[in-house]
Amino acid sequence: MQYRILGKTGLRVSAVGFGGIPIQRIDAAGTRALMERLAEKGVNFIDTARGYTVSESYLGEALSGGLRGRFILATKSMSRDYEGMARDIETSLANLKTDFIDLYQLHNIKSDADFELAFSEHGAMAAILDAVKAGKVRHFGATAHSVRSLERLLTYPQVETIMLPYNIVETQGEALMARAAEQGVGVIAMKPMAGGNITDGALAIRFILQNPNCTVAIPGMAALKEIDENTAAAESAAPLTPDEQAACDAVRAELSGNFCRRCGYCAPCTVGIDIPSTFTMESYVKRYGLAEWGRQRYLSLPAKASACISCGKCETRCPYELPIREKLREAARTFGEIE
């Protein structure tokens, strides 16, 4: 296993970590088996979230009895105000059955209102930093999907890590990752399999780890076999072979015409649809095996795919020329809004 320093946190993390979303598909006993295999393979970084339903609780049960000390624990919250974040930190500590959390993150921050509240004197960042002072949290990070939001995060010196989508297809954040590395900010790559669209896990991990500005990739893993495959891919730091490079090109060619990179350039939608989030929730239903969770999160969106009026403005803004109107109709069918 390769190990890298997570920016100015100074934490030495495995190049492949564990993404906690798929834990929702299994149980506490299965989670314990996964944690034991991770420890065997040298994986020491675990990421979860308050929003991943039972994930924190299952991890807390699985890491009790001595395993907690083998891992660097990261979790995150969608709270933007001080009180909400302070409550979520306490809930995470209780769920994870730990006295401290190594990295607590602002989860999926994107709007101007989010930033203004979260980074205000009485916002979520202040709650996390107070938890750091109290010894309940050790480091502060944030996650986002768009380059615009990530660029803004890098203007706050308190941010020690950023998490962003990065994979064979979604490379729009590479320049920003280099800038983060220059600033000593650790970079965590989420969606390494592009939401389940990339099926060659070994190739996906190898591609990501070729980038020296990426500290750790966090594939979601719900089976021991997945852990074995992903950790094996991290054992070699050798450059991609010509065959691997050709395979990456083939993946890009296959997905280029029909894959949302969540860059956000399609916004604003005329009727208020959050287009990238809609496609993300559809992916959870179709590819992650998290149908109920994906549907519930989709239902929380203020405007649904079926509200599309086919004005086409989003398509004129999309740098990848995606057929967004057609994809929204498909999403509406997925969620049972239209036949």
C-alpha atoms as a PDB file:
ATOM      1  CA  MET A   1       0.000   0.000   0.000  1.00  0.00           C
ATOM      2  CA  GLN A   2       1.195   3.491  -0.830  1.00  0.00           C
ATOM      3  CA  TYR A   3       0.906   6.166   1.879  1.00  0.00           C
ATOM      4  CA  ARG A   4       0.703   9.910   1.433  1.00  0.00           C
ATOM      5  CA  ILE A   5       0.550  12.958   3.711  1.00  0.00           C
ATOM      6  CA  LEU A   6      -2.891  14.571   3.784  1.00  0.00           C
ATOM      7  CA  GLY A   7      -1.737  18.145   3.261  1.00  0.00           C
ATOM      8  CA  LYS A   8      -1.201  20.357   6.282  1.00  0.00           C
ATOM      9  CA  THR A   9      -3.094  17.943   8.542  1.00  0.00           C
ATOM     10  CA  GLY A  10       0.120  15.923   8.655  1.00  0.00           C
ATOM     11  CA  LEU A  11      -1.925  12.710   8.677  1.00  0.00           C
ATOM     12  CA  ARG A  12      -0.276   9.760   6.904  1.00  0.00           C
ATOM     13  CA  VAL A  13      -3.090   8.124   4.946  1.00  0.00           C
ATOM     14  CA  SER A  14      -3.294   5.148   2.640  1.00  0.00           C
ATOM     15  CA  ALA A  15      -3.580   6.098  -1.025  1.00  0.00           C
ATOM     16  CA  VAL A  16      -6.818   4.096  -1.172  1.00  0.00           C
ATOM     17  CA  GLY A  17      -9.368   4.797   1.518  1.00  0.00           C
ATOM     18  CA  PHE A  18     -12.876   3.561   2.199  1.00  0.00           C
ATOM     19  CA  GLY A  19     -16.023   5.400   1.117  1.00  0.00           C
ATOM     20  CA  GLY A  20     -18.900   4.702   3.497  1.00  0.00           C
ATOM     21  CA  ILE A  21     -21.955   5.095   1.248  1.00  0.00           C
ATOM     22  CA  PRO A  22     -22.404   1.368   0.363  1.00  0.00           C
ATOM     23  CA  ILE A  23     -22.459   0.318   4.025  1.00  0.00           C
ATOM     24  CA  GLN A  24     -26.161   1.171   3.877  1.00  0.00           C
ATOM     25  CA  ARG A  25     -26.633  -1.976   1.771  1.00  0.00           C
ATOM     26  CA  ILE A  26     -25.197  -4.374   4.351  1.00  0.00           C
ATOM     27  CA  ASP A  27     -25.307  -4.763   8.152  1.00  0.00           C
ATOM     28  CA  ALA A  28     -23.150  -4.233  11.225  1.00  0.00           C
ATOM     29  CA  ALA A  29     -21.613  -7.728  11.072  1.00  0.00           C
ATOM     30  CA  GLY A  30     -20.757  -7.309   7.405  1.00  0.00           C
ATOM     31  CA  THR A  31     -19.225  -3.926   8.160  1.00  0.00           C
ATOM     32  CA  ARG A  32     -16.973  -5.511  10.792  1.00  0.00           C
ATOM     33  CA  ALA A  33     -15.693  -8.004   8.220  1.00  0.00           C
ATOM     34  CA  LEU A  34     -14.928  -5.163   5.836  1.00  0.00           C
ATOM     35  CA  MET A  35     -13.015  -3.232   8.507  1.00  0.00           C
ATOM     36  CA  GLU A  36     -10.920  -6.263   9.380  1.00  0.00           C
ATOM     37  CA  ARG A  37     -10.011  -6.785   5.726  1.00  0.00           C
ATOM     38  CA  LEU A  38      -9.171  -3.089   5.307  1.00  0.00           C
ATOM     39  CA  ALA A  39      -6.798  -3.294   8.263  1.00  0.00           C
ATOM     40  CA  GLU A  40      -5.162  -6.396   6.783  1.00  0.00           C
ATOM     41  CA  LYS A  41      -4.614  -4.577   3.486  1.00  0.00           C
ATOM     42  CA  GLY A  42      -3.157  -1.451   5.078  1.00  0.00           C
ATOM     43  CA  VAL A  43      -6.087   0.854   4.390  1.00  0.00           C
ATOM     44  CA  ASN A  44      -6.284   3.392   7.214  1.00  0.00           C
ATOM     45  CA  PHE A  45      -8.662   6.126   5.968  1.00  0.00           C
ATOM     46  CA  ILE A  46     -12.442   5.865   6.303  1.00  0.00           C
ATOM     47  CA  ASP A  47     -14.922   8.480   5.107  1.00  0.00           C
ATOM     48  CA  THR A  48     -18.622   8.532   5.967  1.00  0.00           C
ATOM     49  CA  ALA A  49     -21.325  11.161   6.552  1.00  0.00           C
ATOM     50  CA  ARG A  50     -24.268  12.077   8.730  1.00  0.00           C
ATOM     51  CA  GLY A  51     -26.437  11.772   5.625  1.00  0.00           C
ATOM     52  CA  TYR A  52     -25.495   8.144   4.925  1.00  0.00           C
ATOM     53  CA  THR A  53     -28.270   6.841   7.227  1.00  0.00           C
ATOM     54  CA  VAL A  54     -26.833   3.869   9.198  1.00  0.00           C
ATOM     55  CA  SER A  55     -23.244   4.209   7.942  1.00  0.00           C
ATOM     56  CA  GLU A  56     -21.822   5.987  10.994  1.00  0.00           C
ATOM     57  CA  SER A  57     -23.603   3.622  13.397  1.00  0.00           C
ATOM     58  CA  TYR A  58     -22.457   0.465  11.615  1.00  0.00           C
ATOM     59  CA  LEU A  59     -18.903   1.788  11.514  1.00  0.00           C
ATOM     60  CA  GLY A  60     -19.036   2.622  15.215  1.00  0.00           C
ATOM     61  CA  GLU A  61     -20.037  -0.949  16.030  1.00  0.00           C
ATOM     62  CA  ALA A  62     -17.475  -2.405  13.651  1.00  0.00           C
ATOM     63  CA  LEU A  63     -14.559  -0.348  14.967  1.00  0.00           C
ATOM     64  CA  SER A  64     -15.189  -1.075  18.639  1.00  0.00           C
ATOM     65  CA  GLY A  65     -12.939  -3.499  20.450  1.00  0.00           C
ATOM     66  CA  GLY A  66      -9.579  -2.150  19.317  1.00  0.00           C
ATOM     67  CA  LEU A  67      -9.987  -1.504  15.593  1.00  0.00           C
ATOM     68  CA  ARG A  68     -10.648   2.229  16.014  1.00  0.00           C
ATOM     69  CA  GLY A  69      -6.944   2.904  16.573  1.00  0.00           C
ATOM     70  CA  ARG A  70      -6.091   1.433  13.170  1.00  0.00           C
ATOM     71  CA  PHE A  71      -8.023   4.083  11.241  1.00  0.00           C
ATOM     72  CA  ILE A  72      -8.207   7.774  10.476  1.00  0.00           C
ATOM     73  CA  LEU A  73     -11.911   8.625  10.643  1.00  0.00           C
ATOM     74  CA  ALA A  74     -13.551  11.303   8.521  1.00  0.00           C
ATOM     75  CA  THR A  75     -17.204  12.246   8.413  1.00  0.00           C
ATOM     76  CA  LYS A  76     -19.247  15.232   7.310  1.00  0.00           C
ATOM     77  CA  SER A  77     -22.470  17.177   7.733  1.00  0.00           C
ATOM     78  CA  MET A  78     -24.787  19.271   5.595  1.00  0.00           C
ATOM     79  CA  SER A  79     -25.435  21.672   8.499  1.00  0.00           C
ATOM     80  CA  ARG A  80     -24.476  25.254   7.707  1.00  0.00           C
ATOM     81  CA  ASP A  81     -25.199  27.000  11.011  1.00  0.00           C
ATOM     82  CA  TYR A  82     -23.308  26.718  14.301  1.00  0.00           C
ATOM     83  CA  GLU A  83     -26.013  24.974  16.329  1.00  0.00           C
ATOM     84  CA  GLY A  84     -26.793  22.390  13.667  1.00  0.00           C
ATOM     85  CA  MET A  85     -23.138  21.541  13.096  1.00  0.00           C
ATOM     86  CA  ALA A  86     -22.415  21.334  16.831  1.00  0.00           C
ATOM     87  CA  ARG A  87     -25.306  18.864  17.219  1.00  0.00           C
ATOM     88  CA  ASP A  88     -24.130  16.806  14.253  1.00  0.00           C
ATOM     89  CA  ILE A  89     -20.610  16.550  15.637  1.00  0.00           C
ATOM     90  CA  GLU A  90     -21.974  15.187  18.916  1.00  0.00           C
ATOM     91  CA  THR A  91     -24.181  12.735  17.014  1.00  0.00           C
ATOM     92  CA  SER A  92     -21.235  11.564  14.920  1.00  0.00           C
ATOM     93  CA  LEU A  93     -19.101  11.031  18.025  1.00  0.00           C
ATOM     94  CA  ALA A  94     -21.863   8.939  19.590  1.00  0.00           C
ATOM     95  CA  ASN A  95     -22.577   6.955  16.418  1.00  0.00           C
ATOM     96  CA  LEU A  96     -18.912   6.249  15.755  1.00  0.00           C
ATOM     97  CA  LYS A  97     -18.312   5.387  19.430  1.00  0.00           C
ATOM     98  CA  THR A  98     -15.172   7.498  19.576  1.00  0.00           C
ATOM     99  CA  ASP A  99     -13.786  10.360  21.653  1.00  0.00           C
ATOM    100  CA  PHE A 100     -12.558  12.244  18.601  1.00  0.00           C
ATOM    101  CA  ILE A 101     -12.991  12.412  14.830  1.00  0.00           C
ATOM    102  CA  ASP A 102      -9.848  12.962  12.786  1.00  0.00           C
ATOM    103  CA  LEU A 103     -11.479  15.013  10.023  1.00  0.00           C
ATOM    104  CA  TYR A 104     -14.872  16.730  10.073  1.00  0.00           C
ATOM    105  CA  GLN A 105     -16.075  18.222   6.796  1.00  0.00           C
ATOM    106  CA  LEU A 106     -18.649  20.637   5.476  1.00  0.00           C
ATOM    107  CA  HIS A 107     -20.612  18.377   3.127  1.00  0.00           C
ATOM    108  CA  ASN A 108     -21.406  19.411  -0.469  1.00  0.00           C
ATOM    109  CA  ILE A 109     -21.175  23.169  -0.080  1.00  0.00           C
ATOM    110  CA  LYS A 110     -22.174  25.036  -3.240  1.00  0.00           C
ATOM    111  CA  SER A 111     -24.472  28.072  -3.073  1.00  0.00           C
ATOM    112  CA  ASP A 112     -23.513  31.619  -2.115  1.00  0.00           C
ATOM    113  CA  ALA A 113     -25.948  31.389   0.787  1.00  0.00           C
ATOM    114  CA  ASP A 114     -24.222  28.176   1.945  1.00  0.00           C
ATOM    115  CA  PHE A 115     -20.827  29.855   1.960  1.00  0.00           C
ATOM    116  CA  GLU A 116     -21.991  33.050   3.611  1.00  0.00           C
ATOM    117  CA  LEU A 117     -23.650  31.207   6.491  1.00  0.00           C
ATOM    118  CA  ALA A 118     -21.170  28.353   6.924  1.00  0.00           C
ATOM    119  CA  PHE A 119     -18.126  30.625   7.035  1.00  0.00           C
ATOM    120  CA  SER A 120     -19.742  33.352   9.105  1.00  0.00           C
ATOM    121  CA  GLU A 121     -18.890  34.100  12.742  1.00  0.00           C
ATOM    122  CA  HIS A 122     -21.818  31.928  13.854  1.00  0.00           C
ATOM    123  CA  GLY A 123     -21.609  29.337  11.089  1.00  0.00           C
ATOM    124  CA  ALA A 124     -20.719  25.679  10.762  1.00  0.00           C
ATOM    125  CA  MET A 125     -16.998  26.325  10.357  1.00  0.00           C
ATOM    126  CA  ALA A 126     -16.903  28.035  13.757  1.00  0.00           C
ATOM    127  CA  ALA A 127     -18.584  24.991  15.320  1.00  0.00           C
ATOM    128  CA  ILE A 128     -16.016  22.626  13.796  1.00  0.00           C
ATOM    129  CA  LEU A 129     -13.105  24.826  14.875  1.00  0.00           C
ATOM    130  CA  ASP A 130     -14.515  25.005  18.411  1.00  0.00           C
ATOM    131  CA  ALA A 131     -14.720  21.199  18.375  1.00  0.00           C
ATOM    132  CA  VAL A 132     -11.055  21.155  17.332  1.00  0.00           C
ATOM    133  CA  LYS A 133     -10.178  23.345  20.318  1.00  0.00           C
ATOM    134  CA  ALA A 134     -12.148  20.985  22.575  1.00  0.00           C
ATOM    135  CA  GLY A 135     -10.292  17.939  21.238  1.00  0.00           C
ATOM    136  CA  LYS A 136     -13.437  16.393  19.741  1.00  0.00           C
ATOM    137  CA  VAL A 137     -12.245  16.959  16.156  1.00  0.00           C
ATOM    138  CA  ARG A 138      -8.689  17.155  14.904  1.00  0.00           C
ATOM    139  CA  HIS A 139      -8.953  18.699  11.436  1.00  0.00           C
ATOM    140  CA  PHE A 140     -11.373  20.681   9.266  1.00  0.00           C
ATOM    141  CA  GLY A 141     -12.226  20.017   5.618  1.00  0.00           C
ATOM    142  CA  ALA A 142     -14.963  20.527   3.052  1.00  0.00           C
ATOM    143  CA  THR A 143     -16.488  18.745   0.064  1.00  0.00           C
ATOM    144  CA  ALA A 144     -17.919  20.139  -3.158  1.00  0.00           C
ATOM    145  CA  HIS A 145     -18.675  19.059  -6.707  1.00  0.00           C
ATOM    146  CA  SER A 146     -18.125  22.178  -8.813  1.00  0.00           C
ATOM    147  CA  VAL A 147     -14.797  23.807  -9.604  1.00  0.00           C
ATOM    148  CA  ARG A 148     -16.303  27.174  -8.673  1.00  0.00           C
ATOM    149  CA  SER A 149     -17.126  26.020  -5.144  1.00  0.00           C
ATOM    150  CA  LEU A 150     -13.761  24.323  -4.715  1.00  0.00           C
ATOM    151  CA  GLU A 151     -11.926  27.436  -5.843  1.00  0.00           C
ATOM    152  CA  ARG A 152     -13.830  29.406  -3.240  1.00  0.00           C
ATOM    153  CA  LEU A 153     -12.958  26.879  -0.537  1.00  0.00           C
ATOM    154  CA  LEU A 154      -9.274  27.401  -1.243  1.00  0.00           C
ATOM    155  CA  THR A 155      -9.623  31.069  -0.265  1.00  0.00           C
ATOM    156  CA  TYR A 156     -10.256  30.048   3.365  1.00  0.00           C
ATOM    157  CA  PRO A 157      -6.974  29.261   5.157  1.00  0.00           C
ATOM    158  CA  GLN A 158      -8.819  27.239   7.803  1.00  0.00           C
ATOM    159  CA  VAL A 159      -9.692  24.535   5.250  1.00  0.00           C
ATOM    160  CA  GLU A 160      -7.168  21.703   5.545  1.00  0.00           C
ATOM    161  CA  THR A 161      -8.674  19.257   3.044  1.00  0.00           C
ATOM    162  CA  ILE A 162     -11.000  19.299   0.062  1.00  0.00           C
ATOM    163  CA  MET A 163     -12.965  16.432  -1.444  1.00  0.00           C
ATOM    164  CA  LEU A 164     -14.029  16.480  -5.098  1.00  0.00           C
ATOM    165  CA  PRO A 165     -15.102  14.118  -7.891  1.00  0.00           C
ATOM    166  CA  TYR A 166     -12.034  12.871  -9.736  1.00  0.00           C
ATOM    167  CA  ASN A 167     -11.795   9.915 -12.083  1.00  0.00           C
ATOM    168  CA  ILE A 168     -10.909   8.912 -15.641  1.00  0.00           C
ATOM    169  CA  VAL A 169     -13.831  10.939 -17.018  1.00  0.00           C
ATOM    170  CA  GLU A 170     -14.145  13.776 -14.485  1.00  0.00           C
ATOM    171  CA  THR A 171     -10.823  15.593 -14.723  1.00  0.00           C
ATOM    172  CA  GLN A 172     -12.127  19.167 -14.661  1.00  0.00           C
ATOM    173  CA  GLY A 173     -10.605  19.708 -11.203  1.00  0.00           C
ATOM    174  CA  GLU A 174      -6.997  18.824 -12.040  1.00  0.00           C
ATOM    175  CA  ALA A 175      -5.675  22.408 -12.135  1.00  0.00           C
ATOM    176  CA  LEU A 176      -7.435  23.106  -8.860  1.00  0.00           C
ATOM    177  CA  MET A 177      -5.915  19.980  -7.292  1.00  0.00           C
ATOM    178  CA  ALA A 178      -2.462  21.294  -8.190  1.00  0.00           C
ATOM    179  CA  ARG A 179      -3.308  24.623  -6.579  1.00  0.00           C
ATOM    180  CA  ALA A 180      -4.537  22.841  -3.452  1.00  0.00           C
ATOM    181  CA  ALA A 181      -1.292  20.892  -3.223  1.00  0.00           C
ATOM    182  CA  GLU A 182       0.679  24.139  -3.492  1.00  0.00           C
ATOM    183  CA  GLN A 183      -1.334  25.516  -0.566  1.00  0.00           C
ATOM    184  CA  GLY A 184      -0.789  22.398   1.520  1.00  0.00           C
ATOM    185  CA  VAL A 185      -4.437  21.365   1.287  1.00  0.00           C
ATOM    186  CA  GLY A 186      -5.038  17.607   1.202  1.00  0.00           C
ATOM    187  CA  VAL A 187      -7.056  16.298  -1.763  1.00  0.00           C
ATOM    188  CA  ILE A 188      -9.565  13.464  -1.381  1.00  0.00           C
ATOM    189  CA  ALA A 189     -10.948  11.971  -4.606  1.00  0.00           C
ATOM    190  CA  MET A 190     -14.580  10.879  -4.381  1.00  0.00           C
ATOM    191  CA  LYS A 191     -16.555   9.127  -7.138  1.00  0.00           C
ATOM    192  CA  PRO A 192     -13.454   7.240  -8.380  1.00  0.00           C
ATOM    193  CA  MET A 193     -15.699   4.927 -10.409  1.00  0.00           C
ATOM    194  CA  ALA A 194     -17.734   7.873 -11.766  1.00  0.00           C
ATOM    195  CA  GLY A 195     -20.868   6.865  -9.947  1.00  0.00           C
ATOM    196  CA  GLY A 196     -20.588   3.235 -11.039  1.00  0.00           C
ATOM    197  CA  ASN A 197     -20.143   4.109 -14.718  1.00  0.00           C
ATOM    198  CA  ILE A 198     -16.528   2.883 -14.754  1.00  0.00           C
ATOM    199  CA  THR A 199     -16.506  -0.881 -14.301  1.00  0.00           C
ATOM    200  CA  ASP A 200     -12.741  -1.527 -14.306  1.00  0.00           C
ATOM    201  CA  GLY A 201     -11.957  -0.640 -10.698  1.00  0.00           C
ATOM    202  CA  ALA A 202      -8.255  -1.417 -10.925  1.00  0.00           C
ATOM    203  CA  LEU A 203      -7.830   0.883 -13.909  1.00  0.00           C
ATOM    204  CA  ALA A 204      -9.827   3.618 -12.176  1.00  0.00           C
ATOM    205  CA  ILE A 205      -7.644   3.496  -9.064  1.00  0.00           C
ATOM    206  CA  ARG A 206      -4.424   3.320 -11.063  1.00  0.00           C
ATOM    207  CA  PHE A 207      -5.446   6.404 -13.054  1.00  0.00           C
ATOM    208  CA  ILE A 208      -6.243   8.470  -9.965  1.00  0.00           C
ATOM    209  CA  LEU A 209      -3.090   7.573  -8.079  1.00  0.00           C
ATOM    210  CA  GLN A 210      -0.914   8.655 -11.013  1.00  0.00           C
ATOM    211  CA  ASN A 211      -1.780  12.225 -10.049  1.00  0.00           C
ATOM    212  CA  PRO A 212       0.674  13.315  -7.319  1.00  0.00           C
ATOM    213  CA  ASN A 213      -1.721  16.078  -6.275  1.00  0.00           C
ATOM    214  CA  CYS A 214      -4.332  13.531  -5.180  1.00  0.00           C
ATOM    215  CA  THR A 215      -3.756  12.284  -1.641  1.00  0.00           C
ATOM    216  CA  VAL A 216      -6.362   9.538  -1.308  1.00  0.00           C
ATOM    217  CA  ALA A 217      -9.101   7.946  -3.420  1.00  0.00           C
ATOM    218  CA  ILE A 218     -12.164   6.681  -1.561  1.00  0.00           C
ATOM    219  CA  PRO A 219     -14.062   4.047  -3.547  1.00  0.00           C
ATOM    220  CA  GLY A 220     -17.241   2.762  -1.959  1.00  0.00           C
ATOM    221  CA  MET A 221     -16.790  -0.924  -1.141  1.00  0.00           C
ATOM    222  CA  ALA A 222     -19.422  -3.344   0.141  1.00  0.00           C
ATOM    223  CA  ALA A 223     -17.634  -6.644  -0.530  1.00  0.00           C
ATOM    224  CA  LEU A 224     -14.303  -8.161   0.467  1.00  0.00           C
ATOM    225  CA  LYS A 225     -13.517  -8.802  -3.194  1.00  0.00           C
ATOM    226  CA  GLU A 226     -13.785  -5.078  -3.944  1.00  0.00           C
ATOM    227  CA  ILE A 227     -11.326  -4.296  -1.171  1.00  0.00           C
ATOM    228  CA  ASP A 228      -8.866  -6.859  -2.524  1.00  0.00           C
ATOM    229  CA  GLU A 229      -9.104  -5.521  -6.080  1.00  0.00           C
ATOM    230  CA  ASN A 230      -8.807  -1.840  -5.159  1.00  0.00           C
ATOM    231  CA  THR A 231      -5.928  -2.281  -2.748  1.00  0.00           C
ATOM    232  CA  ALA A 232      -4.037  -4.440  -5.245  1.00  0.00           C
ATOM    233  CA  ALA A 233      -4.284  -1.588  -7.739  1.00  0.00           C
ATOM    234  CA  ALA A 234      -2.653   0.732  -5.198  1.00  0.00           C
ATOM    235  CA  GLU A 235       0.384  -1.448  -4.665  1.00  0.00           C
ATOM    236  CA  SER A 236       2.169  -0.221  -7.777  1.00  0.00           C
ATOM    237  CA  ALA A 237       3.304   3.359  -8.261  1.00  0.00           C
ATOM    238  CA  ALA A 238       4.560   2.596 -11.787  1.00  0.00           C
ATOM    239  CA  PRO A 239       3.273   4.866 -14.590  1.00  0.00           C
ATOM    240  CA  LEU A 240       0.284   3.731 -16.616  1.00  0.00           C
ATOM    241  CA  THR A 241       1.260   1.358 -19.376  1.00  0.00           C
ATOM    242  CA  PRO A 242       0.358   2.146 -22.998  1.00  0.00           C
ATOM    243  CA  ASP A 243      -2.397  -0.455 -22.760  1.00  0.00           C
ATOM    244  CA  GLU A 244      -3.794   1.187 -19.613  1.00  0.00           C
ATOM    245  CA  GLN A 245      -3.685   4.614 -21.236  1.00  0.00           C
ATOM    246  CA  ALA A 246      -5.561   3.225 -24.235  1.00  0.00           C
ATOM    247  CA  ALA A 247      -8.134   1.692 -21.886  1.00  0.00           C
ATOM    248  CA  CYS A 248      -8.632   5.091 -20.221  1.00  0.00           C
ATOM    249  CA  ASP A 249      -9.175   6.667 -23.636  1.00  0.00           C
ATOM    250  CA  ALA A 250     -11.763   3.988 -24.409  1.00  0.00           C
ATOM    251  CA  VAL A 251     -13.644   4.732 -21.177  1.00  0.00           C
ATOM    252  CA  ARG A 252     -13.719   8.443 -22.016  1.00  0.00           C
ATOM    253  CA  ALA A 253     -14.950   7.732 -25.519  1.00  0.00           C
ATOM    254  CA  GLU A 254     -17.706   5.475 -24.215  1.00  0.00           C
ATOM    255  CA  LEU A 255     -18.966   7.895 -21.567  1.00  0.00           C
ATOM    256  CA  SER A 256     -18.249  11.250 -23.163  1.00  0.00           C
ATOM    257  CA  GLY A 257     -21.596  11.653 -24.875  1.00  0.00           C
ATOM    258  CA  ASN A 258     -23.894  10.710 -22.035  1.00  0.00           C
ATOM    259  CA  PHE A 259     -22.278  11.343 -18.664  1.00  0.00           C
ATOM    260  CA  CYS A 260     -22.843  14.231 -16.250  1.00  0.00           C
ATOM    261  CA  ARG A 261     -19.624  15.531 -14.675  1.00  0.00           C
ATOM    262  CA  ARG A 262     -21.574  17.670 -12.137  1.00  0.00           C
ATOM    263  CA  CYS A 263     -19.684  20.783 -13.211  1.00  0.00           C
ATOM    264  CA  GLY A 264     -22.810  22.910 -12.761  1.00  0.00           C
ATOM    265  CA  TYR A 265     -22.396  24.927 -15.947  1.00  0.00           C
ATOM    266  CA  CYS A 266     -25.955  24.000 -16.952  1.00  0.00           C
ATOM    267  CA  ALA A 267     -27.350  26.170 -14.133  1.00  0.00           C
ATOM    268  CA  PRO A 268     -29.499  28.050 -13.554  1.00  0.00           C
ATOM    269  CA  CYS A 269     -32.401  25.904 -14.747  1.00  0.00           C
ATOM    270  CA  THR A 270     -35.397  27.948 -15.933  1.00  0.00           C
ATOM    271  CA  VAL A 271     -37.720  26.100 -13.540  1.00  0.00           C
ATOM    272  CA  GLY A 272     -35.213  25.495 -10.742  1.00  0.00           C
ATOM    273  CA  ILE A 273     -34.234  21.848 -11.324  1.00  0.00           C
ATOM    274  CA  ASP A 274     -30.908  20.935  -9.721  1.00  0.00           C
ATOM    275  CA  ILE A 275     -29.775  18.998 -12.770  1.00  0.00           C
ATOM    276  CA  PRO A 276     -26.492  17.498 -11.470  1.00  0.00           C
ATOM    277  CA  SER A 277     -28.137  16.371  -8.209  1.00  0.00           C
ATOM    278  CA  THR A 278     -31.004  14.803 -10.142  1.00  0.00           C
ATOM    279  CA  PHE A 279     -28.577  12.694 -12.173  1.00  0.00           C
ATOM    280  CA  THR A 280     -26.598  11.797  -9.044  1.00  0.00           C
ATOM    281  CA  MET A 281     -29.721  10.514  -7.284  1.00  0.00           C
ATOM    282  CA  GLU A 282     -30.653   8.549 -10.413  1.00  0.00           C
ATOM    283  CA  SER A 283     -27.205   6.938 -10.306  1.00  0.00           C
ATOM    284  CA  TYR A 284     -27.738   5.845  -6.698  1.00  0.00           C
ATOM    285  CA  VAL A 285     -30.948   4.130  -7.773  1.00  0.00           C
ATOM    286  CA  LYS A 286     -29.581   2.484 -10.916  1.00  0.00           C
ATOM    287  CA  ARG A 287     -25.953   1.695 -10.088  1.00  0.00           C
ATOM    288  CA  TYR A 288     -25.247   1.834  -6.364  1.00  0.00           C
ATOM    289  CA  GLY A 289     -28.044  -0.465  -5.222  1.00  0.00           C
ATOM    290  CA  LEU A 290     -29.336   2.303  -2.940  1.00  0.00           C
ATOM    291  CA  ALA A 291     -32.752   2.764  -4.515  1.00  0.00           C
ATOM    292  CA  GLU A 292     -34.727   3.859  -1.451  1.00  0.00           C
ATOM    293  CA  TRP A 293     -32.030   6.229  -0.222  1.00  0.00           C
ATOM    294  CA  GLY A 294     -31.652   7.728  -3.696  1.00  0.00           C
ATOM    295  CA  ARG A 295     -35.413   8.178  -4.046  1.00  0.00           C
ATOM    296  CA  GLN A 296     -35.737   9.858  -0.669  1.00  0.00           C
ATOM    297  CA  ARG A 297     -32.947  12.301  -1.467  1.00  0.00           C
ATOM    298  CA  TYR A 298     -34.495  12.953  -4.866  1.00  0.00           C
ATOM    299  CA  LEU A 299     -37.866  13.685  -3.261  1.00  0.00           C
ATOM    300  CA  SER A 300     -36.190  16.340  -1.092  1.00  0.00           C
ATOM    301  CA  LEU A 301     -35.169  18.322  -4.185  1.00  0.00           C
ATOM    302  CA  PRO A 302     -37.437  21.370  -4.614  1.00  0.00           C
ATOM    303  CA  ALA A 303     -37.962  20.829  -8.354  1.00  0.00           C
ATOM    304  CA  LYS A 304     -38.238  17.408  -9.977  1.00  0.00           C
ATOM    305  CA  ALA A 305     -37.111  16.196 -13.401  1.00  0.00           C
ATOM    306  CA  SER A 306     -40.701  16.108 -14.630  1.00  0.00           C
ATOM    307  CA  ALA A 307     -40.877  19.902 -14.232  1.00  0.00           C
ATOM    308  CA  CYS A 308     -38.575  20.360 -17.250  1.00  0.00           C
ATOM    309  CA  ILE A 309     -40.205  22.574 -19.897  1.00  0.00           C
ATOM    310  CA  SER A 310     -37.670  21.579 -22.579  1.00  0.00           C
ATOM    311  CA  CYS A 311     -36.460  25.129 -23.093  1.00  0.00           C
ATOM    312  CA  GLY A 312     -32.975  23.758 -23.869  1.00  0.00           C
ATOM    313  CA  LYS A 313     -31.025  26.560 -22.192  1.00  0.00           C
ATOM    314  CA  CYS A 314     -29.115  24.043 -20.078  1.00  0.00           C
ATOM    315  CA  GLU A 315     -27.895  22.238 -23.174  1.00  0.00           C
ATOM    316  CA  THR A 316     -26.444  25.428 -24.663  1.00  0.00           C
ATOM    317  CA  ARG A 317     -24.310  25.835 -21.520  1.00  0.00           C
ATOM    318  CA  CYS A 318     -23.158  22.221 -21.125  1.00  0.00           C
ATOM    319  CA  PRO A 319     -19.473  21.970 -22.146  1.00  0.00           C
ATOM    320  CA  TYR A 320     -19.950  18.257 -22.858  1.00  0.00           C
ATOM    321  CA  GLU A 321     -22.985  18.770 -25.126  1.00  0.00           C
ATOM    322  CA  LEU A 322     -25.097  16.318 -23.149  1.00  0.00           C
ATOM    323  CA  PRO A 323     -28.726  15.729 -24.201  1.00  0.00           C
ATOM    324  CA  ILE A 324     -29.909  17.056 -20.842  1.00  0.00           C
ATOM    325  CA  ARG A 325     -33.594  17.268 -21.740  1.00  0.00           C
ATOM    326  CA  GLU A 326     -33.620  13.640 -22.817  1.00  0.00           C
ATOM    327  CA  LYS A 327     -31.714  12.629 -19.684  1.00  0.00           C
ATOM    328  CA  LEU A 328     -34.182  14.496 -17.467  1.00  0.00           C
ATOM    329  CA  ARG A 329     -37.063  12.634 -19.095  1.00  0.00           C
ATOM    330  CA  GLU A 330     -35.265   9.369 -18.376  1.00  0.00           C
ATOM    331  CA  ALA A 331     -34.743  10.441 -14.759  1.00  0.00           C
ATOM    332  CA  ALA A 332     -38.448  11.272 -14.475  1.00  0.00           C
ATOM    333  CA  ARG A 333     -39.211   7.748 -15.706  1.00  0.00           C
ATOM    334  CA  THR A 334     -36.742   6.268 -13.222  1.00  0.00           C
ATOM    335  CA  PHE A 335     -38.492   8.009 -10.361  1.00  0.00           C
ATOM    336  CA  GLY A 336     -41.956   7.072 -11.616  1.00  0.00           C
ATOM    337  CA  GLU A 337     -43.073  10.572 -12.516  1.00  0.00           C
ATOM    338  CA  ILE A 338     -43.880   9.764 -16.133  1.00  0.00           C
ATOM    339  CA  GLU A 339     -44.465   6.582 -18.133  1.00  0.00           C
END
